[in-house]
PDB file of N, CA and C in Angstrom:
ATOM      1  N   ARG A   1      -6.275  20.097   4.301  1.00  0.00           N
ATOM      2  CA  ARG A   1      -7.043  20.058   3.347  1.00  0.00           C
ATOM      3  C   ARG A   1      -7.499  18.423   2.788  1.00  0.00           C
ATOM      4  N   THR A   2      -8.364  17.871   2.544  1.00  0.00           N
ATOM      5  CA  THR A   2      -9.066  16.644   2.002  1.00  0.00           C
ATOM      6  C   THR A   2      -9.227  16.639   0.548  1.00  0.00           C
ATOM      7  N   LEU A   3      -8.414  15.613   0.075  1.00  0.00           N
ATOM      8  CA  LEU A   3      -8.695  15.182  -1.335  1.00  0.00           C
ATOM      9  C   LEU A   3      -9.899  14.009  -1.378  1.00  0.00           C
ATOM     10  N   GLU A   4     -10.731  14.162  -2.330  1.00  0.00           N
ATOM     11  CA  GLU A   4     -11.623  13.131  -2.948  1.00  0.00           C
ATOM     12  C   GLU A   4     -11.287  12.344  -3.891  1.00  0.00           C
ATOM     13  N   TRP A   5     -11.847  10.740  -3.529  1.00  0.00           N
ATOM     14  CA  TRP A   5     -11.477  10.208  -4.618  1.00  0.00           C
ATOM     15  C   TRP A   5     -12.325  10.161  -5.574  1.00  0.00           C
ATOM     16  N   SER A   6     -12.351   9.931  -6.920  1.00  0.00           N
ATOM     17  CA  SER A   6     -13.457   9.734  -7.874  1.00  0.00           C
ATOM     18  C   SER A   6     -14.823   9.167  -7.444  1.00  0.00           C
ATOM     19  N   THR A   7     -15.496   8.989  -8.262  1.00  0.00           N
ATOM     20  CA  THR A   7     -16.875   8.350  -7.583  1.00  0.00           C
ATOM     21  C   THR A   7     -16.829   6.997  -8.247  1.00  0.00           C
ATOM     22  N   LYS A   8     -16.068   6.470  -8.818  1.00  0.00           N
ATOM     23  CA  LYS A   8     -15.846   5.394  -9.513  1.00  0.00           C
ATOM     24  C   LYS A   8     -16.000   3.945  -8.552  1.00  0.00           C
ATOM     25  N   SER A   9     -16.953   2.980  -8.967  1.00  0.00           N
ATOM     26  CA  SER A   9     -16.630   2.092  -8.039  1.00  0.00           C
ATOM     27  C   SER A   9     -16.746   0.964  -8.679  1.00  0.00           C
ATOM     28  N   PRO A  10     -15.931  -0.312  -8.284  1.00  0.00           N
ATOM     29  CA  PRO A  10     -15.288  -0.177  -6.906  1.00  0.00           C
ATOM     30  C   PRO A  10     -14.359   0.977  -6.992  1.00  0.00           C
ATOM     31  N   ALA A  11     -13.761   1.198  -5.711  1.00  0.00           N
ATOM     32  CA  ALA A  11     -12.352   2.140  -6.027  1.00  0.00           C
ATOM     33  C   ALA A  11     -11.231   1.732  -6.549  1.00  0.00           C
ATOM     34  N   PRO A  12     -10.194   2.453  -7.286  1.00  0.00           N
ATOM     35  CA  PRO A  12      -8.991   1.671  -7.761  1.00  0.00           C
ATOM     36  C   PRO A  12      -8.195   1.330  -6.475  1.00  0.00           C
ATOM     37  N   PHE A  13      -7.274   0.514  -7.178  1.00  0.00           N
ATOM     38  CA  PHE A  13      -6.370   0.086  -5.726  1.00  0.00           C
ATOM     39  C   PHE A  13      -5.216   0.933  -5.695  1.00  0.00           C
ATOM     40  N   TYR A  14      -5.094   1.978  -6.298  1.00  0.00           N
ATOM     41  CA  TYR A  14      -4.120   3.196  -6.208  1.00  0.00           C
ATOM     42  C   TYR A  14      -4.794   4.367  -5.498  1.00  0.00           C
ATOM     43  N   ASN A  15      -4.289   5.206  -5.009  1.00  0.00           N
ATOM     44  CA  ASN A  15      -5.077   6.494  -4.602  1.00  0.00           C
ATOM     45  C   ASN A  15      -5.335   7.275  -5.630  1.00  0.00           C
ATOM     46  N   PHE A  16      -4.445   8.030  -6.162  1.00  0.00           N
ATOM     47  CA  PHE A  16      -4.730   8.593  -7.188  1.00  0.00           C
ATOM     48  C   PHE A  16      -3.918   8.446  -8.597  1.00  0.00           C
ATOM     49  N   ALA A  17      -4.241   8.590 -10.077  1.00  0.00           N
ATOM     50  CA  ALA A  17      -3.483   8.218 -11.131  1.00  0.00           C
ATOM     51  C   ALA A  17      -2.583   9.273 -11.203  1.00  0.00           C
ATOM     52  N   VAL A  18      -2.740  10.703 -10.970  1.00  0.00           N
ATOM     53  CA  VAL A  18      -2.472  11.882 -11.166  1.00  0.00           C
ATOM     54  C   VAL A  18      -2.619  12.535  -9.773  1.00  0.00           C
ATOM     55  N   ILE A  19      -1.492  12.886  -9.270  1.00  0.00           N
ATOM     56  CA  ILE A  19      -1.757  13.590  -7.937  1.00  0.00           C
ATOM     57  C   ILE A  19      -2.447  15.131  -8.178  1.00  0.00           C
ATOM     58  N   PRO A  20      -3.871  15.221  -7.315  1.00  0.00           N
ATOM     59  CA  PRO A  20      -4.209  16.521  -7.854  1.00  0.00           C
ATOM     60  C   PRO A  20      -3.450  17.838  -7.103  1.00  0.00           C
ATOM     61  N   ASP A  21      -3.807  18.760  -7.753  1.00  0.00           N
ATOM     62  CA  ASP A  21      -3.759  20.236  -7.163  1.00  0.00           C
ATOM     63  C   ASP A  21      -4.607  20.518  -5.977  1.00  0.00           C
ATOM     64  N   ALA A  22      -4.269  20.685  -4.809  1.00  0.00           N
ATOM     65  CA  ALA A  22      -5.156  20.996  -3.857  1.00  0.00           C
ATOM     66  C   ALA A  22      -4.797  22.365  -3.261  1.00  0.00           C
ATOM     67  N   SER A  23      -4.753  23.209  -4.119  1.00  0.00           N
ATOM     68  CA  SER A  23      -4.579  24.743  -3.452  1.00  0.00           C
ATOM     69  C   SER A  23      -5.862  25.695  -3.279  1.00  0.00           C
ATOM     70  N   GLU A  24      -7.212  24.647  -3.889  1.00  0.00           N
ATOM     71  CA  GLU A  24      -8.509  25.272  -3.282  1.00  0.00           C
ATOM     72  C   GLU A  24      -8.841  24.419  -2.062  1.00  0.00           C
ATOM     73  N   ARG A  25      -9.899  25.547  -1.450  1.00  0.00           N
ATOM     74  CA  ARG A  25     -10.570  24.494  -0.328  1.00  0.00           C
ATOM     75  C   ARG A  25     -11.199  23.241  -0.694  1.00  0.00           C
ATOM     76  N   ASP A  26     -12.062  23.340  -2.010  1.00  0.00           N
ATOM     77  CA  ASP A  26     -12.685  22.160  -2.503  1.00  0.00           C
ATOM     78  C   ASP A  26     -12.056  21.817  -3.994  1.00  0.00           C
ATOM     79  N   ALA A  27     -11.046  21.048  -3.755  1.00  0.00           N
ATOM     80  CA  ALA A  27     -10.390  21.101  -5.178  1.00  0.00           C
ATOM     81  C   ALA A  27     -11.129  20.269  -5.928  1.00  0.00           C
ATOM     82  N   TRP A  28     -11.627  19.436  -6.074  1.00  0.00           N
ATOM     83  CA  TRP A  28     -12.464  18.350  -6.753  1.00  0.00           C
ATOM     84  C   TRP A  28     -13.627  19.334  -7.309  1.00  0.00           C
ATOM     85  N   TRP A  29     -14.535  20.240  -6.497  1.00  0.00           N
ATOM     86  CA  TRP A  29     -15.201  21.555  -6.865  1.00  0.00           C
ATOM     87  C   TRP A  29     -14.685  22.070  -7.951  1.00  0.00           C
ATOM     88  N   ALA A  30     -13.641  22.534  -7.750  1.00  0.00           N
ATOM     89  CA  ALA A  30     -12.980  23.779  -8.690  1.00  0.00           C
ATOM     90  C   ALA A  30     -12.526  23.250 -10.034  1.00  0.00           C
ATOM     91  N   MET A  31     -12.234  21.808 -10.012  1.00  0.00           N
ATOM     92  CA  MET A  31     -11.767  21.300 -11.007  1.00  0.00           C
ATOM     93  C   MET A  31     -12.754  21.243 -12.127  1.00  0.00           C
ATOM     94  N   LYS A  32     -13.923  20.849 -11.481  1.00  0.00           N
ATOM     95  CA  LYS A  32     -15.651  20.405 -12.176  1.00  0.00           C
ATOM     96  C   LYS A  32     -16.048  21.642 -12.843  1.00  0.00           C
ATOM     97  N   GLU A  33     -15.931  22.968 -11.922  1.00  0.00           N
ATOM     98  CA  GLU A  33     -16.182  24.274 -12.492  1.00  0.00           C
ATOM     99  C   GLU A  33     -15.527  24.303 -13.379  1.00  0.00           C
ATOM    100  N   SER A  34     -14.304  24.275 -13.354  1.00  0.00           N
ATOM    101  CA  SER A  34     -13.332  25.083 -14.670  1.00  0.00           C
ATOM    102  C   SER A  34     -13.485  24.043 -15.603  1.00  0.00           C
ATOM    103  N   GLY A  35     -13.873  23.163 -15.741  1.00  0.00           N
ATOM    104  CA  GLY A  35     -13.874  22.141 -17.281  1.00  0.00           C
ATOM    105  C   GLY A  35     -13.138  21.199 -16.995  1.00  0.00           C
ATOM    106  N   HIS A  36     -12.103  21.011 -16.301  1.00  0.00           N
ATOM    107  CA  HIS A  36     -10.865  20.218 -15.970  1.00  0.00           C
ATOM    108  C   HIS A  36     -10.906  18.852 -15.454  1.00  0.00           C
ATOM    109  N   THR A  37     -11.582  17.844 -15.912  1.00  0.00           N
ATOM    110  CA  THR A  37     -11.996  16.661 -15.415  1.00  0.00           C
ATOM    111  C   THR A  37     -11.060  15.576 -15.578  1.00  0.00           C
ATOM    112  N   LYS A  38     -10.202  15.438 -16.686  1.00  0.00           N
ATOM    113  CA  LYS A  38      -9.457  14.530 -16.717  1.00  0.00           C
ATOM    114  C   LYS A  38      -8.170  14.888 -16.907  1.00  0.00           C
ATOM    115  N   PRO A  39      -7.243  14.425 -16.409  1.00  0.00           N
ATOM    116  CA  PRO A  39      -5.828  14.644 -16.762  1.00  0.00           C
ATOM    117  C   PRO A  39      -5.314  14.353 -18.126  1.00  0.00           C
ATOM    118  N   ALA A  40      -4.342  15.522 -18.312  1.00  0.00           N
ATOM    119  CA  ALA A  40      -3.622  15.280 -19.745  1.00  0.00           C
ATOM    120  C   ALA A  40      -2.836  14.030 -19.831  1.00  0.00           C
ATOM    121  N   LYS A  41      -2.777  13.589 -21.060  1.00  0.00           N
ATOM    122  CA  LYS A  41      -2.067  12.292 -20.971  1.00  0.00           C
ATOM    123  C   LYS A  41      -0.484  12.430 -21.179  1.00  0.00           C
ATOM    124  N   SER A  42       0.178  13.702 -21.068  1.00  0.00           N
ATOM    125  CA  SER A  42       1.281  13.986 -20.266  1.00  0.00           C
ATOM    126  C   SER A  42       1.458  13.705 -18.861  1.00  0.00           C
ATOM    127  N   GLU A  43       0.495  14.301 -18.133  1.00  0.00           N
ATOM    128  CA  GLU A  43       0.382  13.920 -16.703  1.00  0.00           C
ATOM    129  C   GLU A  43       0.549  12.804 -16.116  1.00  0.00           C
ATOM    130  N   TYR A  44       0.458  11.323 -16.863  1.00  0.00           N
ATOM    131  CA  TYR A  44       0.424  10.180 -16.309  1.00  0.00           C
ATOM    132  C   TYR A  44       2.032   9.623 -16.111  1.00  0.00           C
ATOM    133  N   LYS A  45       2.339   9.230 -14.913  1.00  0.00           N
ATOM    134  CA  LYS A  45       3.355   8.615 -14.897  1.00  0.00           C
ATOM    135  C   LYS A  45       3.456   7.410 -13.923  1.00  0.00           C
ATOM    136  N   ASP A  46       4.440   6.382 -14.525  1.00  0.00           N
ATOM    137  CA  ASP A  46       4.338   5.126 -13.281  1.00  0.00           C
ATOM    138  C   ASP A  46       4.009   5.075 -12.063  1.00  0.00           C
ATOM    139  N   ILE A  47       3.580   4.143 -11.534  1.00  0.00           N
ATOM    140  CA  ILE A  47       3.393   3.849 -10.267  1.00  0.00           C
ATOM    141  C   ILE A  47       4.141   2.758  -9.537  1.00  0.00           C
ATOM    142  N   HIS A  48       5.100   2.895  -8.720  1.00  0.00           N
ATOM    143  CA  HIS A  48       5.308   1.716  -8.086  1.00  0.00           C
ATOM    144  C   HIS A  48       4.575   1.556  -6.963  1.00  0.00           C
ATOM    145  N   MET A  49       4.220  -0.353  -7.121  1.00  0.00           N
ATOM    146  CA  MET A  49       3.092  -0.463  -6.124  1.00  0.00           C
ATOM    147  C   MET A  49       3.961  -1.413  -5.179  1.00  0.00           C
ATOM    148  N   PRO A  50       3.657  -2.045  -3.895  1.00  0.00           N
ATOM    149  CA  PRO A  50       4.134  -3.129  -3.167  1.00  0.00           C
ATOM    150  C   PRO A  50       3.297  -4.128  -3.463  1.00  0.00           C
ATOM    151  N   LYS A  51       4.288  -5.207  -3.756  1.00  0.00           N
ATOM    152  CA  LYS A  51       3.110  -6.556  -4.070  1.00  0.00           C
ATOM    153  C   LYS A  51       2.596  -7.106  -2.567  1.00  0.00           C
ATOM    154  N   ASN A  52       1.493  -7.505  -2.669  1.00  0.00           N
ATOM    155  CA  ASN A  52       0.672  -8.254  -1.376  1.00  0.00           C
ATOM    156  C   ASN A  52       1.581  -9.275  -0.608  1.00  0.00           C
ATOM    157  N   THR A  53       1.792  -9.421   0.527  1.00  0.00           N
ATOM    158  CA  THR A  53       2.578 -10.444   1.007  1.00  0.00           C
ATOM    159  C   THR A  53       1.610 -10.650   2.708  1.00  0.00           C
ATOM    160  N   MET A  54       2.143 -12.090   3.037  1.00  0.00           N
ATOM    161  CA  MET A  54       1.560 -12.304   4.257  1.00  0.00           C
ATOM    162  C   MET A  54       2.728 -12.340   5.245  1.00  0.00           C
ATOM    163  N   MET A  55       3.963 -11.716   5.079  1.00  0.00           N
ATOM    164  CA  MET A  55       4.987 -11.955   6.130  1.00  0.00           C
ATOM    165  C   MET A  55       4.639 -11.429   7.342  1.00  0.00           C
ATOM    166  N   GLY A  56       3.872 -10.251   7.047  1.00  0.00           N
ATOM    167  CA  GLY A  56       3.666  -9.206   8.497  1.00  0.00           C
ATOM    168  C   GLY A  56       2.807 -10.025   9.231  1.00  0.00           C
ATOM    169  N   MET A  57       1.678 -10.760   8.945  1.00  0.00           N
ATOM    170  CA  MET A  57       0.773 -11.637   9.903  1.00  0.00           C
ATOM    171  C   MET A  57       1.775 -12.621  10.503  1.00  0.00           C
ATOM    172  N   VAL A  58       2.849 -13.429   9.721  1.00  0.00           N
ATOM    173  CA  VAL A  58       3.751 -14.411   9.990  1.00  0.00           C
ATOM    174  C   VAL A  58       4.357 -13.791  11.299  1.00  0.00           C
ATOM    175  N   ILE A  59       5.165 -12.954  10.891  1.00  0.00           N
ATOM    176  CA  ILE A  59       6.080 -11.983  11.825  1.00  0.00           C
ATOM    177  C   ILE A  59       5.104 -11.715  13.271  1.00  0.00           C
ATOM    178  N   ALA A  60       3.924 -11.341  13.019  1.00  0.00           N
ATOM    179  CA  ALA A  60       3.126 -11.192  14.391  1.00  0.00           C
ATOM    180  C   ALA A  60       2.860 -12.295  14.986  1.00  0.00           C
ATOM    181  N   ALA A  61       2.420 -13.513  14.049  1.00  0.00           N
ATOM    182  CA  ALA A  61       2.229 -14.469  14.868  1.00  0.00           C
ATOM    183  C   ALA A  61       3.471 -15.254  15.576  1.00  0.00           C
ATOM    184  N   PHE A  62       4.371 -14.860  15.449  1.00  0.00           N
ATOM    185  CA  PHE A  62       5.366 -15.572  15.864  1.00  0.00           C
ATOM    186  C   PHE A  62       6.039 -14.848  16.919  1.00  0.00           C
ATOM    187  N   ALA A  63       5.694 -13.304  16.869  1.00  0.00           N
ATOM    188  CA  ALA A  63       6.034 -12.439  17.840  1.00  0.00           C
ATOM    189  C   ALA A  63       5.086 -12.853  19.257  1.00  0.00           C
ATOM    190  N   PHE A  64       3.697 -12.940  18.764  1.00  0.00           N
ATOM    191  CA  PHE A  64       2.707 -13.275  19.615  1.00  0.00           C
ATOM    192  C   PHE A  64       3.053 -14.352  20.409  1.00  0.00           C
ATOM    193  N   ALA A  65       3.671 -15.259  19.762  1.00  0.00           N
ATOM    194  CA  ALA A  65       3.958 -16.945  20.223  1.00  0.00           C
ATOM    195  C   ALA A  65       5.182 -16.321  21.469  1.00  0.00           C
ATOM    196  N   PHE A  66       6.223 -15.826  20.808  1.00  0.00           N
ATOM    197  CA  PHE A  66       7.319 -15.620  21.947  1.00  0.00           C
ATOM    198  C   PHE A  66       6.838 -14.737  22.891  1.00  0.00           C
ATOM    199  N   GLY A  67       5.941 -13.549  22.718  1.00  0.00           N
ATOM    200  CA  GLY A  67       5.257 -13.125  24.150  1.00  0.00           C
ATOM    201  C   GLY A  67       4.993 -13.756  25.041  1.00  0.00           C
ATOM    202  N   PHE A  68       3.618 -14.437  24.299  1.00  0.00           N
ATOM    203  CA  PHE A  68       2.992 -15.573  25.415  1.00  0.00           C
ATOM    204  C   PHE A  68       3.654 -16.673  25.883  1.00  0.00           C
ATOM    205  N   GLY A  69       4.869 -17.240  25.419  1.00  0.00           N
ATOM    206  CA  GLY A  69       5.460 -18.131  25.964  1.00  0.00           C
ATOM    207  C   GLY A  69       6.628 -17.238  26.991  1.00  0.00           C
ATOM    208  N   PHE A  70       7.252 -16.246  26.623  1.00  0.00           N
ATOM    209  CA  PHE A  70       8.058 -15.665  27.636  1.00  0.00           C
ATOM    210  C   PHE A  70       7.405 -15.087  28.990  1.00  0.00           C
ATOM    211  N   ILE A  71       5.736 -14.694  28.930  1.00  0.00           N
ATOM    212  CA  ILE A  71       5.197 -14.235  29.956  1.00  0.00           C
ATOM    213  C   ILE A  71       4.689 -15.142  30.726  1.00  0.00           C
ATOM    214  N   TRP A  72       4.490 -16.579  30.345  1.00  0.00           N
ATOM    215  CA  TRP A  72       3.873 -17.855  31.252  1.00  0.00           C
ATOM    216  C   TRP A  72       5.083 -18.990  31.328  1.00  0.00           C
ATOM    217  N   HIS A  73       6.335 -18.418  31.148  1.00  0.00           N
ATOM    218  CA  HIS A  73       7.503 -19.557  31.109  1.00  0.00           C
ATOM    219  C   HIS A  73       7.635 -20.670  30.543  1.00  0.00           C
ATOM    220  N   MET A  74       6.849 -20.477  29.293  1.00  0.00           N
ATOM    221  CA  MET A  74       7.040 -21.986  28.327  1.00  0.00           C
ATOM    222  C   MET A  74       8.354 -21.442  27.384  1.00  0.00           C
ATOM    223  N   TRP A  75       9.201 -21.616  27.841  1.00  0.00           N
ATOM    224  CA  TRP A  75      10.710 -21.444  27.283  1.00  0.00           C
ATOM    225  C   TRP A  75      10.750 -22.293  26.129  1.00  0.00           C
ATOM    226  N   TRP A  76      10.297 -23.384  25.179  1.00  0.00           N
ATOM    227  CA  TRP A  76      10.080 -23.832  24.080  1.00  0.00           C
ATOM    228  C   TRP A  76       9.457 -23.038  23.379  1.00  0.00           C
ATOM    229  N   LEU A  77       8.058 -22.269  23.745  1.00  0.00           N
ATOM    230  CA  LEU A  77       7.676 -21.766  22.954  1.00  0.00           C
ATOM    231  C   LEU A  77       8.260 -20.404  22.611  1.00  0.00           C
ATOM    232  N   ALA A  78       8.754 -19.698  23.645  1.00  0.00           N
ATOM    233  CA  ALA A  78       9.522 -18.448  23.593  1.00  0.00           C
ATOM    234  C   ALA A  78      10.439 -18.585  22.274  1.00  0.00           C
ATOM    235  N   ILE A  79      11.145 -19.554  22.352  1.00  0.00           N
ATOM    236  CA  ILE A  79      12.452 -19.888  21.265  1.00  0.00           C
ATOM    237  C   ILE A  79      11.924 -20.369  20.269  1.00  0.00           C
ATOM    238  N   VAL A  80      11.013 -20.708  20.265  1.00  0.00           N
ATOM    239  CA  VAL A  80      10.424 -21.045  18.842  1.00  0.00           C
ATOM    240  C   VAL A  80       9.854 -19.825  18.342  1.00  0.00           C
ATOM    241  N   GLY A  81       9.204 -18.965  18.765  1.00  0.00           N
ATOM    242  CA  GLY A  81       8.258 -17.983  18.508  1.00  0.00           C
ATOM    243  C   GLY A  81       9.667 -16.830  18.255  1.00  0.00           C
ATOM    244  N   LEU A  82      10.478 -16.768  19.230  1.00  0.00           N
ATOM    245  CA  LEU A  82      11.859 -15.881  18.868  1.00  0.00           C
ATOM    246  C   LEU A  82      12.378 -16.186  17.638  1.00  0.00           C
ATOM    247  N   ALA A  83      12.564 -17.406  17.636  1.00  0.00           N
ATOM    248  CA  ALA A  83      13.535 -17.897  16.305  1.00  0.00           C
ATOM    249  C   ALA A  83      12.753 -17.755  15.172  1.00  0.00           C
ATOM    250  N   GLY A  84      11.394 -17.892  15.066  1.00  0.00           N
ATOM    251  CA  GLY A  84      10.824 -18.156  13.693  1.00  0.00           C
ATOM    252  C   GLY A  84      10.242 -16.594  13.259  1.00  0.00           C
ATOM    253  N   ALA A  85      10.239 -15.782  14.357  1.00  0.00           N
ATOM    254  CA  ALA A  85      10.161 -14.300  14.371  1.00  0.00           C
ATOM    255  C   ALA A  85      11.435 -13.672  13.269  1.00  0.00           C
ATOM    256  N   ILE A  86      12.589 -13.810  13.952  1.00  0.00           N
ATOM    257  CA  ILE A  86      13.746 -13.527  13.596  1.00  0.00           C
ATOM    258  C   ILE A  86      13.999 -14.243  11.936  1.00  0.00           C
ATOM    259  N   VAL A  87      13.825 -15.337  11.922  1.00  0.00           N
ATOM    260  CA  VAL A  87      14.026 -15.863  10.645  1.00  0.00           C
ATOM    261  C   VAL A  87      13.111 -15.520   9.483  1.00  0.00           C
ATOM    262  N   SER A  88      11.630 -14.881   9.911  1.00  0.00           N
ATOM    263  CA  SER A  88      10.602 -14.220   8.847  1.00  0.00           C
ATOM    264  C   SER A  88      11.014 -13.113   8.717  1.00  0.00           C
ATOM    265  N   VAL A  89      12.164 -12.486   9.646  1.00  0.00           N
ATOM    266  CA  VAL A  89      12.292 -10.893   8.946  1.00  0.00           C
ATOM    267  C   VAL A  89      13.422 -10.950   7.958  1.00  0.00           C
ATOM    268  N   ILE A  90      14.429 -11.848   8.238  1.00  0.00           N
ATOM    269  CA  ILE A  90      15.478 -12.244   7.468  1.00  0.00           C
ATOM    270  C   ILE A  90      14.739 -12.315   6.045  1.00  0.00           C
ATOM    271  N   ILE A  91      13.848 -13.289   5.947  1.00  0.00           N
ATOM    272  CA  ILE A  91      13.163 -13.683   4.587  1.00  0.00           C
ATOM    273  C   ILE A  91      12.549 -12.757   4.298  1.00  0.00           C
ATOM    274  N   LYS A  92      11.929 -11.957   4.969  1.00  0.00           N
ATOM    275  CA  LYS A  92      11.423 -10.851   4.175  1.00  0.00           C
ATOM    276  C   LYS A  92      12.042  -9.767   3.590  1.00  0.00           C
ATOM    277  N   THR A  93      13.397  -9.019   4.821  1.00  0.00           N
ATOM    278  CA  THR A  93      14.235  -8.241   4.239  1.00  0.00           C
ATOM    279  C   THR A  93      14.925  -8.699   3.138  1.00  0.00           C
ATOM    280  N   SER A  94      15.058 -10.001   2.788  1.00  0.00           N
ATOM    281  CA  SER A  94      16.114 -10.217   1.726  1.00  0.00           C
ATOM    282  C   SER A  94      15.327 -10.451   0.303  1.00  0.00           C
ATOM    283  N   ASP A  95      14.036 -10.349   0.430  1.00  0.00           N
ATOM    284  CA  ASP A  95      13.140 -10.595  -0.914  1.00  0.00           C
ATOM    285  C   ASP A  95      13.503  -9.057  -1.841  1.00  0.00           C
ATOM    286  N   ASP A  96      14.052  -9.631  -3.006  1.00  0.00           N
ATOM    287  CA  ASP A  96      14.208  -8.258  -3.639  1.00  0.00           C
ATOM    288  C   ASP A  96      13.121  -8.005  -4.629  1.00  0.00           C
ATOM    289  N   ASN A  97      12.384  -8.751  -5.153  1.00  0.00           N
ATOM    290  CA  ASN A  97      11.098  -8.797  -5.751  1.00  0.00           C
ATOM    291  C   ASN A  97       9.489  -8.533  -5.250  1.00  0.00           C
ATOM    292  N   SER A  98       9.705  -7.144  -4.386  1.00  0.00           N
ATOM    293  CA  SER A  98       8.420  -6.901  -3.714  1.00  0.00           C
ATOM    294  C   SER A  98       7.770  -5.708  -4.262  1.00  0.00           C
ATOM    295  N   GLU A  99       8.175  -5.141  -5.509  1.00  0.00           N
ATOM    296  CA  GLU A  99       7.220  -4.339  -6.143  1.00  0.00           C
ATOM    297  C   GLU A  99       6.747  -4.627  -7.088  1.00  0.00           C
ATOM    298  N   TYR A 100       5.777  -4.097  -7.956  1.00  0.00           N
ATOM    299  CA  TYR A 100       5.236  -3.862  -9.226  1.00  0.00           C
ATOM    300  C   TYR A 100       4.937  -2.522  -9.606  1.00  0.00           C
ATOM    301  N   VAL A 101       5.210  -2.431 -11.252  1.00  0.00           N
ATOM    302  CA  VAL A 101       4.863  -1.192 -11.715  1.00  0.00           C
ATOM    303  C   VAL A 101       3.775  -1.041 -12.585  1.00  0.00           C
ATOM    304  N   ILE A 102       2.637  -0.041 -12.143  1.00  0.00           N
ATOM    305  CA  ILE A 102       1.631   0.118 -13.170  1.00  0.00           C
ATOM    306  C   ILE A 102       1.965   1.119 -13.949  1.00  0.00           C
ATOM    307  N   THR A 103       2.243   0.821 -15.325  1.00  0.00           N
ATOM    308  CA  THR A 103       2.656   1.738 -16.147  1.00  0.00           C
ATOM    309  C   THR A 103       1.420   3.027 -16.507  1.00  0.00           C
ATOM    310  N   ALA A 104       2.054   4.452 -17.080  1.00  0.00           N
ATOM    311  CA  ALA A 104       1.246   5.314 -17.261  1.00  0.00           C
ATOM    312  C   ALA A 104       0.055   4.893 -18.376  1.00  0.00           C
ATOM    313  N   ALA A 105       0.261   4.131 -19.575  1.00  0.00           N
ATOM    314  CA  ALA A 105      -0.528   3.573 -20.141  1.00  0.00           C
ATOM    315  C   ALA A 105      -1.738   2.558 -19.428  1.00  0.00           C
ATOM    316  N   GLU A 106      -1.191   2.097 -18.495  1.00  0.00           N
ATOM    317  CA  GLU A 106      -2.421   1.169 -18.010  1.00  0.00           C
ATOM    318  C   GLU A 106      -3.321   2.110 -16.923  1.00  0.00           C
ATOM    319  N   LEU A 107      -2.723   3.052 -16.656  1.00  0.00           N
ATOM    320  CA  LEU A 107      -3.105   4.061 -15.614  1.00  0.00           C
ATOM    321  C   LEU A 107      -4.089   4.949 -16.495  1.00  0.00           C
ATOM    322  N   GLU A 108      -3.736   5.274 -17.624  1.00  0.00           N
ATOM    323  CA  GLU A 108      -4.672   6.403 -18.484  1.00  0.00           C
ATOM    324  C   GLU A 108      -5.636   5.388 -19.382  1.00  0.00           C
ATOM    325  N   ARG A 109      -5.643   4.058 -19.205  1.00  0.00           N
ATOM    326  CA  ARG A 109      -6.747   2.969 -19.819  1.00  0.00           C
ATOM    327  C   ARG A 109      -8.033   2.967 -18.785  1.00  0.00           C
ATOM    328  N   MET A 110      -7.200   2.612 -17.290  1.00  0.00           N
ATOM    329  CA  MET A 110      -7.909   2.467 -15.826  1.00  0.00           C
ATOM    330  C   MET A 110      -8.797   3.498 -15.669  1.00  0.00           C
ATOM    331  N   ASP A 111      -8.010   4.776 -15.884  1.00  0.00           N
ATOM    332  CA  ASP A 111      -8.484   6.118 -15.395  1.00  0.00           C
ATOM    333  C   ASP A 111      -9.847   6.451 -16.375  1.00  0.00           C
ATOM    334  N   SER A 112     -10.010   6.060 -17.570  1.00  0.00           N
ATOM    335  CA  SER A 112     -10.934   6.460 -18.303  1.00  0.00           C
ATOM    336  C   SER A 112     -11.929   5.572 -18.401  1.00  0.00           C
TER     337      SER A 112
END
C-alpha cells in the first residue's frame, strides 16, 4: 500500500507529522471522505531527525582515492586514501551531536 504526502508546496523536510493509518486501499481518500483531515493535537509526537553532514561524501572521496591508487599501483595515493577514510569514519562515529528534535508543538504549527 502506498501513502500520499499532503498537497503542500514545498514538501516538508519530514515524511509525516503523524503516521497515518493505511488500512484502506486509498487511505488519503478515505480520510477526506470521512471528514478527518487534520490530526488531533494529542497525536503529534516529537520527531528525532539526523543533522545534515558532509562526512559521507568525504569518506567516499577517500575510498575512491584508495581504490584508484590501489588499482594503478600509486601506493602513496592508496595509503593517503585508506588513512583518510579510516580517520573520517572514526570522526563520524565519535560525533555525539548528530540529531535534532522537532517538537510536537513545532509539528502542529508547521502542519496547520
